[in-house]
Amino acid sequence: MFKSELKNTLNNFPQTLSVNIDGEFQFIIQIVSKIFEGLDEADRQEMVYNFLRNTFKNDNNIYEKIEFIFTDAPSELKNN
C-alpha cells in the first residue's frame, strides 16, 4: 500500500475534513472528522481501523504499516 493510496482511502472516511500522513514505511496518521465529536479515543481508533480493515481486506499487513493514528474532532484543534 502506498502513502497516497492510504490518504485517498482515509479521505473517504465519513465526515473527514483533513488527513495528514507522515513516514515512509510505517505511517503516522492524523485524521480530522466531524464524526469524532463526543467520542472517546478508543471508539475513534476502532472506527478508523474497522474502516481500513474493510477497505483493505486483502492486505494482511495493514496494521504493520501504521505506527499510530491521531483522531481529532474539529472542535479540538487550535484556531490559527
N, C-alpha and C. Protein backbone atom coordinates (compact mmCIF):
# COMPACT_ATOMS: atom_id res chain seq x y z
N MET A 1 0.86 -1.17 0.00
CA MET A 1 0.00 0.00 0.00
C MET A 1 0.90 1.22 0.00
N PHE A 2 0.58 2.16 -0.78
CA PHE A 2 1.34 3.38 -0.86
C PHE A 2 0.68 4.47 -0.04
N LYS A 3 1.50 5.41 0.35
CA LYS A 3 1.03 6.53 1.17
C LYS A 3 -0.15 7.25 0.51
N SER A 4 -0.06 7.50 -0.79
CA SER A 4 -1.13 8.21 -1.49
C SER A 4 -2.43 7.39 -1.51
N GLU A 5 -2.31 6.09 -1.64
CA GLU A 5 -3.50 5.22 -1.63
C GLU A 5 -4.17 5.26 -0.26
N LEU A 6 -3.36 5.24 0.79
CA LEU A 6 -3.88 5.32 2.15
C LEU A 6 -4.57 6.66 2.38
N LYS A 7 -3.94 7.73 1.93
CA LYS A 7 -4.53 9.05 2.11
C LYS A 7 -5.85 9.17 1.35
N ASN A 8 -5.87 8.71 0.11
CA ASN A 8 -7.11 8.76 -0.67
C ASN A 8 -8.22 7.95 0.00
N THR A 9 -7.86 6.82 0.55
CA THR A 9 -8.85 5.98 1.25
C THR A 9 -9.40 6.69 2.47
N LEU A 10 -8.51 7.26 3.29
CA LEU A 10 -8.96 7.93 4.52
C LEU A 10 -9.74 9.21 4.23
N ASN A 11 -9.51 9.82 3.09
CA ASN A 11 -10.32 10.98 2.72
C ASN A 11 -11.78 10.59 2.48
N ASN A 12 -12.04 9.30 2.31
CA ASN A 12 -13.41 8.80 2.15
C ASN A 12 -14.04 8.35 3.47
N PHE A 13 -13.29 8.46 4.57
CA PHE A 13 -13.86 8.17 5.89
C PHE A 13 -14.96 9.19 6.15
N PRO A 14 -16.07 8.80 6.79
CA PRO A 14 -17.21 9.70 6.98
C PRO A 14 -16.84 11.03 7.62
N GLN A 15 -17.34 12.09 7.01
CA GLN A 15 -17.24 13.46 7.51
C GLN A 15 -15.79 13.92 7.74
N THR A 16 -14.87 13.42 6.94
CA THR A 16 -13.46 13.78 7.08
C THR A 16 -13.22 15.19 6.55
N LEU A 17 -12.48 15.96 7.35
CA LEU A 17 -12.10 17.31 6.95
C LEU A 17 -10.66 17.37 6.47
N SER A 18 -9.79 16.55 7.07
CA SER A 18 -8.40 16.53 6.62
C SER A 18 -7.71 15.24 7.03
N VAL A 19 -6.69 14.88 6.25
CA VAL A 19 -5.85 13.71 6.53
C VAL A 19 -4.41 14.11 6.28
N ASN A 20 -3.55 13.85 7.26
CA ASN A 20 -2.11 14.06 7.10
C ASN A 20 -1.41 12.75 7.42
N ILE A 21 -0.41 12.41 6.61
CA ILE A 21 0.33 11.17 6.81
C ILE A 21 1.82 11.47 6.75
N ASP A 22 2.53 11.04 7.77
CA ASP A 22 3.99 11.16 7.82
C ASP A 22 4.60 9.77 7.85
N GLY A 23 5.81 9.67 7.34
CA GLY A 23 6.53 8.40 7.36
C GLY A 23 6.66 7.81 5.97
N GLU A 24 7.56 6.86 5.86
CA GLU A 24 7.80 6.20 4.59
C GLU A 24 7.42 4.72 4.63
N PHE A 25 7.74 4.03 5.72
CA PHE A 25 7.47 2.60 5.82
C PHE A 25 6.43 2.28 6.88
N GLN A 26 6.44 3.05 7.97
CA GLN A 26 5.40 2.98 8.98
C GLN A 26 4.82 4.37 9.10
N PHE A 27 3.52 4.45 8.97
CA PHE A 27 2.88 5.75 8.85
C PHE A 27 2.29 6.23 10.18
N ILE A 28 2.44 7.52 10.40
CA ILE A 28 1.75 8.21 11.49
C ILE A 28 0.70 9.08 10.81
N ILE A 29 -0.54 8.87 11.20
CA ILE A 29 -1.67 9.48 10.52
C ILE A 29 -2.40 10.41 11.48
N GLN A 30 -2.82 11.56 10.95
CA GLN A 30 -3.76 12.41 11.68
C GLN A 30 -4.99 12.56 10.80
N ILE A 31 -6.13 12.23 11.35
CA ILE A 31 -7.39 12.37 10.63
C ILE A 31 -8.32 13.23 11.47
N VAL A 32 -8.90 14.24 10.82
CA VAL A 32 -9.85 15.13 11.47
C VAL A 32 -11.23 14.87 10.86
N SER A 33 -12.19 14.52 11.71
CA SER A 33 -13.52 14.20 11.22
C SER A 33 -14.58 14.71 12.20
N LYS A 34 -15.65 15.21 11.65
CA LYS A 34 -16.77 15.66 12.48
C LYS A 34 -17.41 14.50 13.23
N ILE A 35 -17.28 13.31 12.71
CA ILE A 35 -17.90 12.14 13.33
C ILE A 35 -17.27 11.82 14.69
N PHE A 36 -16.06 12.34 14.95
CA PHE A 36 -15.38 12.08 16.22
C PHE A 36 -15.89 12.93 17.38
N GLU A 37 -16.68 13.94 17.10
CA GLU A 37 -17.20 14.80 18.16
C GLU A 37 -17.93 13.98 19.22
N GLY A 38 -17.52 14.12 20.47
CA GLY A 38 -18.19 13.45 21.57
C GLY A 38 -17.78 12.01 21.81
N LEU A 39 -16.88 11.48 20.98
CA LEU A 39 -16.44 10.09 21.15
C LEU A 39 -15.09 10.06 21.86
N ASP A 40 -14.85 8.99 22.61
CA ASP A 40 -13.54 8.87 23.24
C ASP A 40 -12.55 8.28 22.23
N GLU A 41 -11.27 8.38 22.59
CA GLU A 41 -10.19 7.98 21.68
C GLU A 41 -10.29 6.51 21.25
N ALA A 42 -10.64 5.65 22.17
CA ALA A 42 -10.74 4.21 21.84
C ALA A 42 -11.80 3.96 20.78
N ASP A 43 -12.95 4.61 20.89
CA ASP A 43 -14.02 4.44 19.91
C ASP A 43 -13.61 5.00 18.54
N ARG A 44 -12.91 6.12 18.55
CA ARG A 44 -12.44 6.71 17.29
C ARG A 44 -11.45 5.78 16.59
N GLN A 45 -10.49 5.28 17.37
CA GLN A 45 -9.49 4.38 16.82
C GLN A 45 -10.15 3.14 16.21
N GLU A 46 -11.09 2.59 16.93
CA GLU A 46 -11.80 1.41 16.45
C GLU A 46 -12.52 1.69 15.13
N MET A 47 -13.15 2.85 15.03
CA MET A 47 -13.85 3.22 13.80
C MET A 47 -12.89 3.29 12.61
N VAL A 48 -11.75 3.93 12.82
CA VAL A 48 -10.80 4.09 11.71
C VAL A 48 -10.19 2.74 11.32
N TYR A 49 -9.78 1.95 12.31
CA TYR A 49 -9.21 0.64 11.99
C TYR A 49 -10.22 -0.28 11.32
N ASN A 50 -11.48 -0.24 11.74
CA ASN A 50 -12.52 -1.04 11.07
C ASN A 50 -12.70 -0.58 9.63
N PHE A 51 -12.69 0.72 9.43
CA PHE A 51 -12.80 1.27 8.08
C PHE A 51 -11.66 0.77 7.20
N LEU A 52 -10.43 0.84 7.72
CA LEU A 52 -9.28 0.38 6.96
C LEU A 52 -9.32 -1.12 6.72
N ARG A 53 -9.70 -1.88 7.73
CA ARG A 53 -9.79 -3.34 7.59
C ARG A 53 -10.81 -3.71 6.51
N ASN A 54 -11.94 -3.01 6.47
CA ASN A 54 -12.96 -3.30 5.47
C ASN A 54 -12.53 -2.87 4.07
N THR A 55 -11.73 -1.82 4.00
CA THR A 55 -11.27 -1.31 2.71
C THR A 55 -10.14 -2.16 2.14
N PHE A 56 -9.20 -2.55 3.00
CA PHE A 56 -8.03 -3.31 2.56
C PHE A 56 -8.13 -4.76 3.02
N LYS A 57 -9.20 -5.43 2.63
CA LYS A 57 -9.47 -6.80 3.07
C LYS A 57 -8.36 -7.78 2.69
N ASN A 58 -7.70 -7.53 1.58
CA ASN A 58 -6.68 -8.46 1.10
C ASN A 58 -5.28 -8.10 1.57
N ASP A 59 -5.14 -7.05 2.36
CA ASP A 59 -3.82 -6.63 2.85
C ASP A 59 -3.68 -7.04 4.31
N ASN A 60 -3.05 -8.17 4.54
CA ASN A 60 -2.90 -8.69 5.89
C ASN A 60 -1.89 -7.92 6.72
N ASN A 61 -1.12 -7.06 6.09
CA ASN A 61 -0.08 -6.32 6.79
C ASN A 61 -0.48 -4.88 7.10
N ILE A 62 -1.74 -4.56 6.99
CA ILE A 62 -2.18 -3.17 7.18
C ILE A 62 -1.76 -2.62 8.54
N TYR A 63 -1.83 -3.42 9.58
CA TYR A 63 -1.50 -2.94 10.93
C TYR A 63 -0.01 -2.74 11.12
N GLU A 64 0.80 -3.48 10.40
CA GLU A 64 2.25 -3.30 10.47
C GLU A 64 2.71 -2.03 9.78
N LYS A 65 1.90 -1.50 8.89
CA LYS A 65 2.25 -0.32 8.12
C LYS A 65 1.86 0.98 8.82
N ILE A 66 1.07 0.87 9.88
CA ILE A 66 0.60 2.06 10.60
C ILE A 66 1.19 2.04 12.00
N GLU A 67 1.94 3.09 12.29
CA GLU A 67 2.52 3.21 13.62
C GLU A 67 1.50 3.77 14.62
N PHE A 68 0.77 4.81 14.20
CA PHE A 68 -0.23 5.41 15.09
C PHE A 68 -1.19 6.24 14.26
N ILE A 69 -2.42 6.35 14.76
CA ILE A 69 -3.42 7.21 14.13
C ILE A 69 -3.93 8.19 15.19
N PHE A 70 -3.73 9.47 14.92
CA PHE A 70 -4.31 10.52 15.76
C PHE A 70 -5.69 10.82 15.19
N THR A 71 -6.69 10.80 16.04
CA THR A 71 -8.06 11.08 15.61
C THR A 71 -8.54 12.31 16.35
N ASP A 72 -8.84 13.36 15.59
CA ASP A 72 -9.25 14.63 16.18
C ASP A 72 -10.60 15.06 15.66
N ALA A 73 -11.38 15.64 16.55
CA ALA A 73 -12.62 16.32 16.17
C ALA A 73 -12.25 17.78 15.85
N PRO A 74 -12.99 18.43 14.97
CA PRO A 74 -12.66 19.81 14.61
C PRO A 74 -12.61 20.74 15.82
N SER A 75 -13.46 20.52 16.80
CA SER A 75 -13.50 21.40 17.98
C SER A 75 -12.25 21.27 18.85
N GLU A 76 -11.46 20.23 18.64
CA GLU A 76 -10.26 20.01 19.44
C GLU A 76 -9.02 20.69 18.87
N LEU A 77 -9.13 21.17 17.66
CA LEU A 77 -7.97 21.80 17.02
C LEU A 77 -7.90 23.27 17.39
N LYS A 78 -6.69 23.75 17.56
CA LYS A 78 -6.48 25.16 17.86
C LYS A 78 -6.70 25.96 16.58
N ASN A 79 -7.35 27.10 16.73
CA ASN A 79 -7.52 28.01 15.59
C ASN A 79 -6.23 28.78 15.38
N ASN A 80 -5.77 28.80 14.14
CA ASN A 80 -4.54 29.54 13.82
C ASN A 80 -4.87 30.84 13.14
